Structures are given as structure tokens and as C-alpha cells.
Protein backbone atom coordinates (compact mmCIF):
# COMPACT_ATOMS: atom_id res chain seq x y z
CA MET A 1 148.47 105.68 77.45
CA VAL A 2 148.52 109.39 78.45
CA ALA A 3 150.11 108.61 81.81
CA TRP A 4 152.69 106.37 80.17
CA CYS A 5 153.68 109.09 77.72
CA GLU A 6 153.99 111.70 80.46
CA ARG A 7 156.12 109.32 82.50
CA HIS A 8 158.68 109.12 79.68
CA GLY A 9 158.59 112.80 78.72
CA LEU A 10 156.44 112.28 75.62
CA THR A 11 153.54 114.40 74.42
CA LEU A 12 150.48 112.56 73.16
CA LEU A 13 149.11 114.69 70.31
CA ALA A 14 146.38 112.40 68.97
CA LEU A 15 144.99 108.93 69.55
CA GLU A 16 142.45 107.04 67.45
CA THR A 17 141.19 103.52 67.94
CA ASP A 18 139.81 100.88 65.62
CA ILE A 19 138.56 97.34 66.09
CA ASP A 20 142.00 95.75 66.13
CA HIS A 21 144.57 98.55 66.45
CA ILE A 22 145.34 102.02 67.85
CA ALA A 23 146.85 104.93 65.90
CA VAL A 24 148.99 107.27 68.04
CA CYS A 25 150.67 110.57 67.19
CA VAL A 26 153.43 111.40 69.68
CA SER A 27 155.89 114.28 70.01
CA ALA A 28 159.20 113.03 71.41
CA PRO A 29 162.67 114.45 72.18
CA PRO A 30 165.43 113.69 69.65
CA ARG A 31 166.93 110.96 71.85
CA PHE A 32 163.94 108.70 71.12
CA SER A 33 164.28 106.78 67.87
CA PRO A 34 161.13 105.58 66.07
CA ALA A 35 161.99 101.99 66.97
CA LEU A 36 162.35 102.87 70.65
CA LEU A 37 159.02 104.70 70.64
CA ALA A 38 157.30 101.71 69.07
CA ASN A 39 158.80 99.37 71.67
CA LEU A 40 157.75 101.62 74.55
CA LEU A 41 154.17 102.10 73.41
CA LYS A 42 153.51 98.59 72.11
CA GLY A 43 155.20 96.96 75.08
CA HIS A 44 153.12 98.98 77.52
CA SER A 45 149.85 98.30 75.71
CA SER A 46 150.71 94.61 75.49
CA ARG A 47 151.30 94.30 79.22
CA TYR A 48 148.18 96.34 79.94
CA LEU A 49 145.95 94.13 77.82
CA ARG A 50 147.40 90.94 79.27
CA GLU A 51 146.70 92.21 82.77
CA LYS A 52 143.13 93.09 81.79
CA VAL A 53 142.44 89.64 80.41
CA PRO A 54 144.30 87.34 82.81
CA ARG A 55 142.19 84.28 81.93
CA LEU A 56 143.23 84.40 78.28
CA LYS A 57 146.86 84.82 79.29
CA ALA A 58 146.60 81.98 81.80
CA ALA A 59 145.00 79.72 79.18
CA GLN A 60 147.87 80.29 76.74
CA MET A 61 150.43 79.69 79.48
CA GLU A 62 148.69 76.42 80.36
CA ALA A 63 148.73 75.40 76.69
CA ALA A 64 152.46 76.10 76.63
CA GLN A 65 152.93 73.68 79.52
CA VAL A 66 151.27 70.93 77.49
CA TRP A 67 153.67 71.60 74.61
CA ASN A 68 156.66 71.66 76.98
CA LEU A 69 155.70 68.30 78.52
CA CYS A 70 155.48 66.72 75.05
CA MET A 71 158.79 68.31 74.07
CA GLN A 72 160.57 67.06 77.20
CA ALA A 73 159.24 63.51 76.78
CA HIS A 74 160.31 63.42 73.12
CA GLN A 75 163.72 64.92 73.93
CA ALA A 76 164.35 62.39 76.69
CA ALA A 77 163.51 59.51 74.33
CA ARG A 78 165.90 60.82 71.68
CA GLN A 79 168.74 61.25 74.15
CA ALA A 80 168.18 57.76 75.62
CA HIS A 81 167.86 56.22 72.11
CA THR A 82 164.55 54.62 73.04
CA LYS A 83 161.22 54.49 71.23
CA TRP A 84 159.76 57.92 70.67
CA PRO A 85 156.45 58.60 72.44
CA GLY A 86 153.42 58.33 70.16
CA ARG A 87 149.96 59.83 70.28
CA SER A 88 148.58 57.43 72.88
CA ASP A 89 151.65 57.89 75.12
CA LEU A 90 151.46 61.69 75.09
CA GLN A 91 147.68 61.77 75.53
CA LYS A 92 148.00 59.46 78.51
CA ALA A 93 150.74 61.66 80.01
CA THR A 94 148.68 64.84 79.61
CA LYS A 95 145.25 63.49 80.55
CA GLY A 96 143.65 65.29 83.49
CA THR A 97 146.82 67.23 84.29
CA PHE A 98 146.20 70.68 82.85
CA ALA A 99 143.49 73.33 83.34
CA LEU A 100 142.24 73.03 79.78
CA HIS A 101 139.49 71.22 77.94
CA SER A 102 140.53 67.64 77.14
CA GLN A 103 140.09 68.15 73.40
CA SER A 104 142.19 71.32 73.53
CA VAL A 105 145.00 69.30 75.12
CA GLN A 106 144.64 66.62 72.42
CA MET A 107 144.92 69.23 69.64
CA ILE A 108 148.19 70.52 71.13
CA VAL A 109 149.51 66.96 71.26
CA HIS A 110 148.53 66.44 67.60
CA ALA A 111 150.23 69.71 66.61
CA PHE A 112 153.42 68.64 68.39
CA LEU A 113 153.46 65.23 66.69
CA ALA A 114 152.85 66.89 63.31
CA LYS A 115 155.88 69.11 63.92
CA VAL A 116 158.00 66.07 64.79
CA GLU A 117 156.83 64.17 61.71
CA THR A 118 157.53 67.13 59.39
CA THR A 119 161.03 67.53 60.84
CA ARG A 120 161.71 63.82 60.45
CA HIS A 121 160.87 63.95 56.73
CA LEU A 122 162.82 67.16 56.02
CA LYS A 123 165.90 66.48 58.12
CA PRO A 124 167.68 64.21 55.57
CA THR A 125 167.60 66.98 52.94
CA THR A 126 167.73 69.93 55.37
CA PRO A 127 170.26 69.12 58.12
CA LYS A 128 169.64 72.44 59.87
CA MET A 129 166.12 71.36 60.79
CA THR A 130 165.84 70.58 64.51
CA TYR A 131 163.24 68.77 66.55
CA PRO A 132 161.29 70.87 69.11
CA TRP A 133 163.66 71.85 71.88
CA LYS A 134 162.77 75.36 73.06
CA THR A 135 160.63 75.85 76.15
CA LYS A 136 157.56 77.93 75.37
CA ARG A 137 155.92 80.43 77.67
CA PHE A 138 152.74 80.92 75.64
CA TYR A 139 151.01 78.74 73.06
CA PRO A 140 147.72 79.18 71.13
CA VAL A 141 144.69 77.51 72.70
CA MET A 142 142.60 75.46 70.27
CA TRP A 143 139.04 74.21 70.50
CA PRO A 144 137.59 71.76 67.93
CA ALA A 145 134.19 72.41 66.38
CA GLN A 146 132.39 69.91 68.65
CA ALA A 147 133.67 71.68 71.78
CA VAL A 148 132.53 75.18 70.74
CA SER A 149 128.98 76.28 71.47
CA LYS A 150 127.08 79.38 70.34
CA GLU A 151 124.34 80.64 72.62
CA GLY A 152 122.31 83.75 71.78
CA GLY A 153 125.03 85.97 70.39
CA ARG A 154 127.67 84.57 72.72
CA LEU A 155 130.56 82.22 72.09
CA VAL A 156 131.27 79.70 74.85
CA LEU A 157 134.75 78.14 74.93
CA PRO A 158 134.96 75.34 77.55
CA MET A 159 137.98 75.10 79.84
CA GLY A 160 137.35 71.62 81.22
CA ARG A 161 135.23 69.96 83.87
CA GLY A 162 134.80 72.00 87.04
CA ARG A 163 136.20 75.22 85.48
CA ALA A 164 134.29 78.22 84.20
CA SER A 165 134.13 78.55 80.41
CA ILE A 166 135.43 81.57 78.52
CA VAL A 167 132.39 83.48 77.27
CA LEU A 168 132.90 86.06 74.51
CA PRO A 169 130.18 88.43 73.24
CA ILE A 170 130.70 87.35 69.61
CA GLU A 171 128.07 86.19 67.13
CA LEU A 172 129.62 83.73 64.67
CA PRO A 173 128.20 82.41 61.39
CA GLU A 174 126.04 79.29 61.52
CA LYS A 175 128.64 77.11 59.79
CA SER A 176 131.59 78.22 61.94
CA GLY A 177 133.68 75.49 63.52
CA ALA A 178 137.01 75.20 65.34
CA CYS A 179 138.43 78.23 67.17
CA THR A 180 141.99 79.19 68.11
CA LEU A 181 143.03 81.86 70.60
CA VAL A 182 146.26 83.51 69.43
CA TRP A 183 148.30 86.57 70.35
CA ASN A 184 149.20 88.99 67.56
CA THR A 185 150.00 92.31 69.29
CA GLY A 186 146.67 91.61 70.95
CA PHE A 187 144.42 88.62 71.51
CA GLU A 188 142.74 87.32 68.36
CA LEU A 189 140.22 84.55 67.88
CA HIS A 190 140.72 82.63 64.63
CA VAL A 191 137.58 80.81 63.52
CA CYS A 192 137.22 78.15 60.81
CA VAL A 193 134.15 78.73 58.64
CA GLU A 194 132.86 76.09 56.24
CA VAL A 195 132.51 77.28 52.65
CA ALA A 196 130.10 75.50 50.35
CA GLN A 197 131.74 73.61 47.48
CA ALA A 198 130.35 73.01 44.03
CA GLU A 199 128.64 69.66 43.51
CA GLN A 200 129.83 69.22 39.93
CA ALA A 201 132.33 70.71 37.51
CA PRO A 202 131.09 73.63 35.35
CA GLY A 203 132.04 71.79 32.15
CA GLY A 204 134.22 69.19 30.48
CA THR A 205 136.90 71.39 28.91
CA HIS A 206 140.53 70.31 29.35
CA ALA A 207 142.94 73.00 30.60
CA THR A 208 146.64 73.09 31.40
CA VAL A 209 148.57 75.64 33.45
CA ASP A 210 152.26 76.42 32.92
CA LEU A 211 153.53 78.18 36.03
CA GLY A 212 156.34 80.64 35.46
CA GLU A 213 158.58 83.07 37.30
CA ILE A 214 157.93 86.02 34.96
CA HIS A 215 154.45 85.04 33.81
CA LEU A 216 152.69 83.48 36.78
CA ALA A 217 150.47 81.28 34.66
CA ALA A 218 149.97 80.43 30.99
CA VAL A 219 146.61 78.68 30.58
CA SER A 220 145.41 76.95 27.43
CA THR A 221 142.32 74.85 26.73
CA ASN A 222 141.26 72.42 24.03
CA THR A 223 138.64 74.92 22.87
CA GLY A 224 141.17 77.32 21.34
CA LYS A 225 141.22 79.82 24.22
CA ALA A 226 144.20 80.84 26.29
CA MET A 227 145.25 83.30 28.97
CA LEU A 228 148.51 84.73 30.29
CA VAL A 229 148.98 86.21 33.75
CA THR A 230 152.15 88.25 34.06
CA GLY A 231 153.96 88.40 37.37
CA ARG A 232 156.43 91.23 36.81
CA GLY A 233 154.63 93.63 39.11
CA ILE A 234 154.17 91.02 41.83
CA ARG A 235 157.82 89.97 41.62
CA SER A 236 158.92 93.57 42.02
CA LEU A 237 156.65 94.06 45.01
CA LYS A 238 158.02 90.98 46.74
CA ARG A 239 161.46 92.59 46.81
CA GLN A 240 159.95 95.28 48.99
CA ARG A 241 157.62 93.01 50.91
CA HIS A 242 157.61 94.84 54.21
CA GLN A 243 157.11 98.29 52.68
CA ARG A 244 154.53 97.43 50.01
CA MET A 245 152.55 94.46 51.31
CA GLY A 246 149.35 96.43 51.00
CA LYS A 247 149.81 96.98 47.27
CA LEU A 248 150.59 93.30 46.75
CA ALA A 249 147.34 92.26 48.44
CA LYS A 250 145.43 94.82 46.35
CA LYS A 251 146.84 93.40 43.13
CA GLN A 252 146.03 89.83 44.14
CA SER A 253 142.44 90.86 44.94
CA HIS A 254 141.76 91.50 41.23
CA CYS A 255 141.85 87.76 40.50
CA THR A 256 138.50 86.09 39.88
CA LYS A 257 137.61 82.53 39.03
CA PHE A 258 138.37 80.90 35.68
CA GLU A 259 135.17 80.84 33.64
CA ASN A 260 135.60 78.47 30.70
CA GLU A 261 133.55 75.43 31.79
CA VAL A 262 136.72 73.59 32.81
CA GLY A 263 136.22 70.05 34.12
CA SER A 264 139.83 68.98 34.71
CA LEU A 265 142.98 70.99 35.31
CA PHE A 266 146.62 69.90 34.96
CA ILE A 267 149.16 72.02 36.87
CA GLY A 268 152.75 71.74 35.70
CA ASN A 269 155.46 71.29 38.32
CA PRO A 270 158.53 73.45 37.46
CA HIS A 271 160.78 71.93 40.15
CA GLY A 272 163.63 71.39 37.68
CA VAL A 273 163.97 75.12 37.00
CA ARG A 274 163.87 75.99 40.69
CA HIS A 275 166.70 73.62 41.64
CA ARG A 276 169.08 74.63 38.83
CA ASP A 277 171.96 76.84 40.00
CA THR A 278 172.69 79.39 37.24
CA GLY A 279 174.01 82.37 39.17
CA ARG A 280 173.24 84.69 42.06
CA HIS A 281 170.63 86.82 40.30
CA HIS A 282 168.78 83.79 38.95
CA ASN A 283 168.81 82.14 42.37
CA GLN A 284 167.40 85.31 43.94
CA ARG A 285 164.54 85.38 41.43
CA MET A 286 163.84 81.71 42.06
CA ALA A 287 163.74 82.32 45.81
CA LEU A 288 161.09 85.01 45.28
CA TRP A 289 159.02 82.73 43.05
CA GLU A 290 156.45 81.06 45.30
CA TYR A 291 155.15 78.55 42.76
CA GLY A 292 154.21 76.15 45.54
CA LYS A 293 151.70 78.67 46.92
CA ASP A 294 150.36 79.31 43.41
CA SER A 295 149.88 75.57 42.89
CA ASP A 296 148.15 75.14 46.26
CA TYR A 297 145.91 78.12 45.52
CA LEU A 298 144.86 76.66 42.15
CA THR A 299 144.25 73.24 43.72
CA HIS A 300 142.10 74.76 46.47
CA LYS A 301 140.04 76.84 44.05
CA ALA A 302 139.59 73.88 41.69
CA LYS A 303 138.36 71.68 44.53
CA ALA A 304 135.87 74.33 45.61
CA ALA A 305 134.51 74.40 42.03
CA HIS A 306 134.45 70.57 41.83
CA ILE A 307 137.15 70.60 39.15
CA LEU A 308 139.50 67.63 39.00
CA SER A 309 143.06 68.91 39.40
CA PHE A 310 146.34 67.00 39.22
CA THR A 311 150.00 67.82 38.77
CA GLY A 312 153.04 66.39 37.07
CA SER A 313 156.36 67.22 35.50
CA GLU A 314 156.43 69.78 32.69
CA ARG A 315 159.97 68.93 31.58
CA GLY A 316 160.64 69.81 27.92
CA THR A 317 157.29 71.48 27.23
CA SER A 318 158.75 74.97 26.76
CA SER A 319 161.46 73.85 24.33
CA GLN A 320 159.31 71.99 21.77
CA CYS A 321 157.47 73.52 18.83
CA PRO A 322 153.73 72.79 19.15
CA ARG A 323 153.39 72.69 15.35
CA CYS A 324 156.28 70.53 14.02
CA GLY A 325 157.83 69.12 17.23
CA HIS A 326 161.28 70.65 16.66
CA THR A 327 163.13 71.27 19.95
CA HIS A 328 165.61 73.96 20.94
CA GLN A 329 166.21 76.26 23.91
CA PRO A 330 164.37 79.54 23.22
CA LYS A 331 165.56 83.01 24.18
CA GLY A 332 163.23 85.82 25.19
CA ARG A 333 159.48 85.68 25.57
CA VAL A 334 158.62 85.06 21.90
CA TRP A 335 159.16 81.42 20.85
CA THR A 336 160.34 81.15 17.22
CA CYS A 337 160.75 77.73 15.63
CA ARG A 338 163.90 77.36 13.58
CA ALA A 339 162.37 74.58 11.50
CA CYS A 340 158.87 75.74 10.50
CA GLY A 341 158.97 79.44 11.44
CA PHE A 342 156.15 79.23 13.99
CA THR A 343 156.06 82.08 16.54
CA GLY A 344 154.16 82.26 19.81
CA HIS A 345 154.46 83.22 23.44
CA ARG A 346 157.08 81.08 25.16
CA ASP A 347 155.05 80.26 28.28
CA LEU A 348 151.91 79.57 26.27
CA VAL A 349 153.88 77.11 24.13
CA GLY A 350 154.69 75.21 27.32
CA SER A 351 151.03 75.20 28.38
CA VAL A 352 149.85 73.92 24.98
CA ASN A 353 152.44 71.11 24.98
CA MET A 354 151.23 70.00 28.42
CA HIS A 355 147.98 68.72 26.86
CA GLN A 356 149.99 65.87 25.29
CA LEU A 357 151.52 64.95 28.67
CA ALA A 358 148.34 65.29 30.73
CA TYR A 359 145.58 64.13 28.39
CA GLY A 360 147.43 62.31 25.61
CA SER A 361 146.16 64.61 22.85
CA GLN A 362 147.73 67.62 21.17
CA VAL A 363 145.64 70.78 20.74
CA MET A 364 145.91 73.58 18.25
CA PHE A 365 147.78 76.69 19.30
CA PRO A 366 145.20 79.28 20.52
CA ARG A 367 144.05 81.84 17.96
CA SER A 368 143.76 84.54 20.63
CA VAL A 369 144.70 85.00 24.25
CA THR A 370 143.41 87.18 27.06
CA TYR A 371 146.34 88.99 28.66
CA LEU A 372 145.45 89.74 32.28
CA ARG A 373 147.49 91.85 34.68
CA PRO A 374 146.70 91.72 38.40
CA GLY A 375 146.86 95.43 39.24
CA PRO A 376 145.92 98.86 37.86
CA SER A 377 145.24 98.91 34.13
CA ARG A 378 148.07 100.26 31.99
CA ARG A 379 149.33 99.84 28.45
CA SER A 380 152.28 97.50 28.28
CA ARG A 381 155.57 98.59 26.71
CA ARG A 382 157.59 95.64 27.98
CA ALA A 383 160.03 93.91 25.68
CA ASP A 384 158.12 90.63 26.06
CA THR A 385 154.85 92.22 24.91
CA PRO A 386 155.69 93.89 21.58
CA GLN A 387 153.34 96.27 19.83
CA ARG A 388 152.44 93.70 17.20
CA CYS A 389 151.02 91.54 20.01
CA LEU A 390 148.78 94.21 21.53
CA SER A 391 145.18 94.83 20.55
CA GLU A 392 144.06 98.43 20.14
CA SER A 393 140.38 97.56 20.57
CA ALA A 394 138.69 100.12 22.81
CA ALA A 395 135.85 97.74 23.66
CA GLN A 396 138.13 95.37 25.58
CA PRO A 397 137.54 95.35 29.39
CA LEU A 398 140.16 96.82 31.73
CA LEU A 399 143.06 94.61 32.81
CA MET A 400 142.62 92.38 29.75
CA GLU A 401 144.28 92.56 26.35
CA GLN A 402 143.70 90.04 23.58
CA VAL A 403 146.97 89.06 21.96
CA PRO A 404 147.33 87.13 18.68
CA LEU A 405 150.12 84.64 19.24
CA GLY A 406 150.01 82.33 16.22
CA THR A 407 151.58 83.31 12.92
CA GLY A 408 148.91 84.52 10.51
CA HIS A 409 146.18 84.68 13.16
CA THR A 410 144.13 87.81 13.77
CA VAL A 411 142.42 89.03 16.91
CA ASP A 412 138.73 88.24 17.18
CA GLY A 413 137.27 91.38 18.73
CA ALA A 414 134.01 89.60 19.65
CA GLN A 415 135.82 86.84 21.52
CA LYS A 416 134.54 86.51 25.09
CA PRO A 417 137.57 86.95 27.38
CA VAL A 418 138.67 84.20 29.69
CA THR A 419 138.77 85.59 33.23
CA LEU A 420 140.76 84.44 36.23
């Protein structure tokens, strides 16, 4: 690095290394822009590392050849209007041809066919989708769990019969499985580790989740408890994703599991709101709303806790009064019924009404709700959280505020908060 800097007229002031990156402080003439400096230093270090580990580079180049062969065979079949090659055809064409373990070659074939199948399903609705056509120079090398062996603090990755295995001085957990060699400004080994799942659900409580763009989730149960998770801070951070990704991850790390002895969970699907075109600003907010990831995250966590989870349409749940059934389109965050005078949080109204759709029974509107903000604790002054809805109890834990949402209800200060 010092010689490279001197060669380009740069002065290396400081250099510190970590496990996966290097921090460099360089003094440069005004003609060097920050982007040019980054390209010079990262490009040099990338070439240097690839030259130091030629076997890893050669393995990824060999994996790319497997992908290219599959791509060329599929492309030729499309152009000739003949039957597309399937799994058996591609495995037969790649068998014993490449300097890789046979199961590594099969995993690349499976990944290629998965890409083709995904494109085939999306192409009718997304015409810009294209089948694989670009020739690759490098491609990740994958080993299934049965091909990986751990021997005395070493990881042995086989490269096929008659070829030396790749041996790495890495001690992996006992339940580790498949491995993938990738390049991310440096070689990385991604390892799948099995996580123990719960054998039974923690309880039999029914819960519904109303996903929202402003409030990420409004959760209600048939035990009279509820919870709101606001997403204003996260939505703001997503607009500055590249500059503030660290803060976003820190806010998301505050989430913990839902402790209310839930046995089944219904997740509302807000696809109708996402696909409605109501202006440029609304469309931008909808594009930033990753409700699909939120739904997948809830499904994954529910499965790990042995909680039955299912999804369905939530159409009309946010426009119906949970007390008298009167329907109208609300404005703002506070839902006020024009017929009976009921007031409550708009998103929580949608979650409560989902119990009728999911479980066939209507529940009472929650007497109190735990208001949880992923992020540093602060007192809310937002228009959607008026002062009359905030508890002044000093005994309440950080990041949680109990909010009375039903008309005439009072906050129970001894209520155990629902955590997420």
C-alpha cells in the first residue's frame, strides 16, 4: 500500500486494519477527487488479494463457466424455439467437465434454473425482465452441508476427485451447514447455521397485525392488549439510505420478540393500498414501504417460535367502526365514528377488525396500548400522537408509552407492556 501511494504521488499518513476492512488516511494533491482515490486504493488492494489467493479466484472463475454453459444452452433453445433444457439436461452437460465438486456444480445449475423460473413468472407483468444473457467472469462457489467437513479447527471445502481441497483455518459452530464463497471487496465465506426452533406455541392467544406505511404494525389480541409500532423514523432514514444505514440498523436492533402467549398470527396484506396511484408523493412513500420484508420477517419469527401464521386481504378493515359497524373513509390518525362517536387509533381499528376476517369473532377494542418506537427514547409531539393519548407515568419502561385509545377508557399503570 505504501509503494502504491508513493507511485501515484500520495502520502500515506495512517493505516489501520480490522478483520474485514482497512482504514487509510491519505494526503493527496487537489487533482485527486475522493472517488478517484477510492478507486485507486480499492482497485489495487482487490488485485493484490486476488493474486495472493489464486485458488479462490480460479474457483470462482470456474463456477462462472458453469453458469455460462447453462446460459448458452438456454439461450440457444429459446432462439431455436425448442424445448428448454431442464435440470437433468444441464446436469448431464456439466457432469465431469469443470474443476469443481460435483455438488457445487449442481447447486449452480439449480440457481440458474431458479433464475429462469422466476423470470418466467414475472415476465408477463414486468416486460423489462430478461432471461440470463450476460457472460459472467466470476460466480460464487457453493458447497452443500454434506460436502463440507470440519476437522480440528479447520474447514475443508472439496474441489472434486483428484484435486486438492481448499482448507481454511476456521472453526465453525457444530450445527453449521452449507458454505458459499463470495467476493465483497474481499473474499467472504457465508455459512448457514441451523437455529433451534420452538417445539410448541407459547400460548393460544389470537393476534392480528395491520401493516402500515406510517405505523409499521398495529397489533391487537383477543385478551384486550394492543401495540403500535411507528415507522416515521425508519421511513425518514430510508430516504437517506446510503448515508444513514448504520442508524437504521441500530433502530431495528431494538426489536424483541412478541411476548403475549400468542398461538396464531394473522398478517394483513395491504396490496390494494400499494397499487393505488394517488400522486407522485404518495407513490414515493409506497415505494419506500417494504411491507413484503416486514411480512416475511414476522412469518420467519413466528415459525421459529412455533406460532401458526397466515395472511390474507385486509380490505375495508380500516374504514369500519369496531363498535357499531358504520363505515366511512377516515382522515388523520385518530378514527372518529360519525354514527356512535367512538374514537381510536386508525391503524389499531384495522387490526381489531381483522379478528372478524381471520378468526370469525369480533373482539373488544383494547383498553390500553403499548406504543413502541424502534430508536432512542423521546417524547412524542407528532400530530398523530396527541397529548391526551400520552401517559405521563414515570414508571413506564423506555421506548414504550401506554396510550388509552377507547373513549372513556383510562390507562392502567400496572399493565404489563407487550414487547416486540
